[in-house]
Amino acid sequence: MVIGDIHGRTIWKDFADIKFLLYAEPEAAGFGGFVPEFSKYIFLGDYVDSFDVTNDQIRENLLELIRFKNLYPDHVVLLWGNHDVEYWLNEPWKAMKTAISGFRPEMHYDLYDIFNSNRDLFQLAYGEGNHLFCHSGVHYGWYWYVFIKAIKDMDMNDMTIAEQLNEAFRYKIECLFDVDFYRGGYKKVGGPLWCDKKLLNKILKNVRQYVGHNAVGDIHTNTIGDSSITFCDVLHHSKSFYTLIIP
């Protein structure tokens, strides 16, 4: 089960069996009547920032997502979004490096603390077989000519793409945070947190990607040869999630 950008919305609790699962106490989660219906609940990032949701709702909703992850650690996947990373990466007592829409400066200290206290619950990417999940998508050229060059001395040759991205994130490899010119940056292509949909006509070969970040009218998949990318950021107007069966 794949859920796009939340941005403080509570609608995710109404999908499938999530609301019921949240009733569980820690000792009951995963047992008896509290066994999740789906093997994975994959959230594609951007849990914070909004133009119409209150600060309190954003904060409480984020804490509820963290509780969901803690209750079902093997079933819930929380991916980083570019909005979330801005609060985690930038110290609130310093000037911001990136201008981001909907940013709540009055929440910076609070969200900085929440994300850093729970950093290990989040990851940059998740992979299963040739299926890759991340916030904005991985561009073919960025991966081979920017990212691989950046990690060439890090002994990651035997890792999957998702493992490479997560390991590089641990070390805050700079290119992961590249912002392309479509998103107000100066890079030709953005990294997996910022890449704009207009650039994703060149994607990784033989990989099925699932992304948020780029608001779309309906969940849809673009197929290019043996590759595809499914855009799932629809919660701004649609009560929808994406279900996927992986053999």
Foldseek 3Di string as FASTA:
>chain_A
DEAFACALPPLVCVPDCNVVLLVDDLVCACDDPNNDPDQAYEYAEHLHFDPPHDPVSSVVSVVSLVVSCSSPVRHYAAEYALLLVQLQVDDLVDDGPDDDHRDDNVCSVVSNVVCVVSVVSYFAWDDDDQEIEGAAAAFPCCVPPPVCVQCVPVPCPPPDPRVSRRVVVVVPRPQQQAADVVRPGPDPAHHRRHGEPVRRPGHDALHEYEYEPYEDCQWDWDDDVNYIYTYNHHPVPDSDGDDDDDD
